[in-house]
Amino acid sequence: MRLHDPQDAVALLRELAASSELAADGGLDEVVDSAVLTGLLALQETRTTSDPSPAGELCLSTVRHLALAVILASADLD
């Protein structure tokens, strides 16, 4: 599942925590780590892209993932 809307990501995390499928704090850490890693992998891919247009798209993707990580890291699940 790909979450592009931070509100959807927080809602999903709350739902999973409420159903006891994961602990809210641990789950949030994992989601933040995943978003950061995905962003960094997209940024790394720009190094091998010779065409500026796809490289620009990858940079924008990186920004979205890192912004999602920041929003989720600062989310108050209570």
Protein backbone atom coordinates (compact mmCIF):
# COMPACT_ATOMS: atom_id res chain seq x y z
CA MET A 1 0.00 0.00 0.00
CA ARG A 2 1.31 3.42 -0.91
CA LEU A 3 0.24 6.35 1.18
CA HIS A 4 0.61 9.74 -0.45
CA ASP A 5 -1.64 11.67 1.91
CA PRO A 6 -0.20 12.18 5.39
CA GLN A 7 -3.69 12.17 6.92
CA ASP A 8 -4.36 8.75 5.37
CA ALA A 9 -1.08 7.46 6.77
CA VAL A 10 -1.88 8.67 10.28
CA ALA A 11 -5.43 7.25 10.03
CA LEU A 12 -4.08 3.87 8.95
CA LEU A 13 -1.57 3.85 11.78
CA ARG A 14 -4.29 4.70 14.31
CA GLU A 15 -6.48 1.92 12.91
CA LEU A 16 -3.67 -0.63 13.17
CA ALA A 17 -2.83 0.49 16.71
CA ALA A 18 -6.49 0.29 17.76
CA SER A 19 -6.77 -3.25 16.43
CA SER A 20 -3.64 -4.19 18.42
CA GLU A 21 -1.85 -5.29 15.24
CA LEU A 22 1.06 -3.14 16.28
CA ALA A 23 2.09 -0.82 19.05
CA ALA A 24 1.45 2.78 18.04
CA ASP A 25 4.91 4.08 18.94
CA GLY A 26 6.80 1.20 17.32
CA GLY A 27 4.57 1.29 14.27
CA LEU A 28 5.06 5.00 13.85
CA ASP A 29 8.82 4.60 14.03
CA GLU A 30 8.72 1.90 11.36
CA VAL A 31 6.54 4.00 9.06
CA VAL A 32 8.82 7.02 9.45
CA ASP A 33 11.90 4.88 8.80
CA SER A 34 10.27 3.40 5.72
CA ALA A 35 9.34 6.82 4.32
CA VAL A 36 12.87 8.15 4.86
CA LEU A 37 14.45 5.06 3.30
CA THR A 38 12.15 5.23 0.27
CA GLY A 39 13.03 8.89 -0.20
CA LEU A 40 16.74 8.22 0.06
CA LEU A 41 16.53 5.34 -2.42
CA ALA A 42 14.77 7.63 -4.91
CA LEU A 43 17.47 10.25 -4.39
CA GLN A 44 20.19 7.63 -4.91
CA GLU A 45 18.53 6.63 -8.18
CA THR A 46 18.99 10.17 -9.51
CA ARG A 47 22.75 9.55 -9.56
CA THR A 48 22.36 6.97 -12.33
CA THR A 49 19.79 8.91 -14.33
CA SER A 50 21.35 10.84 -17.20
CA ASP A 51 18.14 12.52 -18.40
CA PRO A 52 17.26 15.61 -16.30
CA SER A 53 13.48 15.11 -16.55
CA PRO A 54 13.32 11.71 -14.79
CA ALA A 55 15.96 12.93 -12.33
CA GLY A 56 13.73 15.89 -11.46
CA GLU A 57 10.76 13.59 -10.96
CA LEU A 58 12.82 11.41 -8.64
CA CYS A 59 13.85 14.49 -6.63
CA LEU A 60 10.20 15.48 -6.28
CA SER A 61 9.41 11.96 -5.14
CA THR A 62 12.18 12.24 -2.55
CA VAL A 63 10.69 15.47 -1.22
CA ARG A 64 7.24 13.86 -0.87
CA HIS A 65 8.63 10.90 1.06
CA LEU A 66 10.77 13.02 3.36
CA ALA A 67 7.88 15.43 3.99
CA LEU A 68 5.66 12.46 4.87
CA ALA A 69 8.34 11.21 7.28
CA VAL A 70 8.52 14.60 9.01
CA ILE A 71 4.73 14.87 9.28
CA LEU A 72 4.42 11.37 10.69
CA ALA A 73 7.34 11.83 13.08
CA SER A 74 5.63 14.87 14.52
CA ALA A 75 2.15 13.30 14.59
CA ASP A 76 0.34 13.03 17.88
CA LEU A 77 -1.56 9.76 17.88
CA ASP A 78 -3.30 10.40 21.18
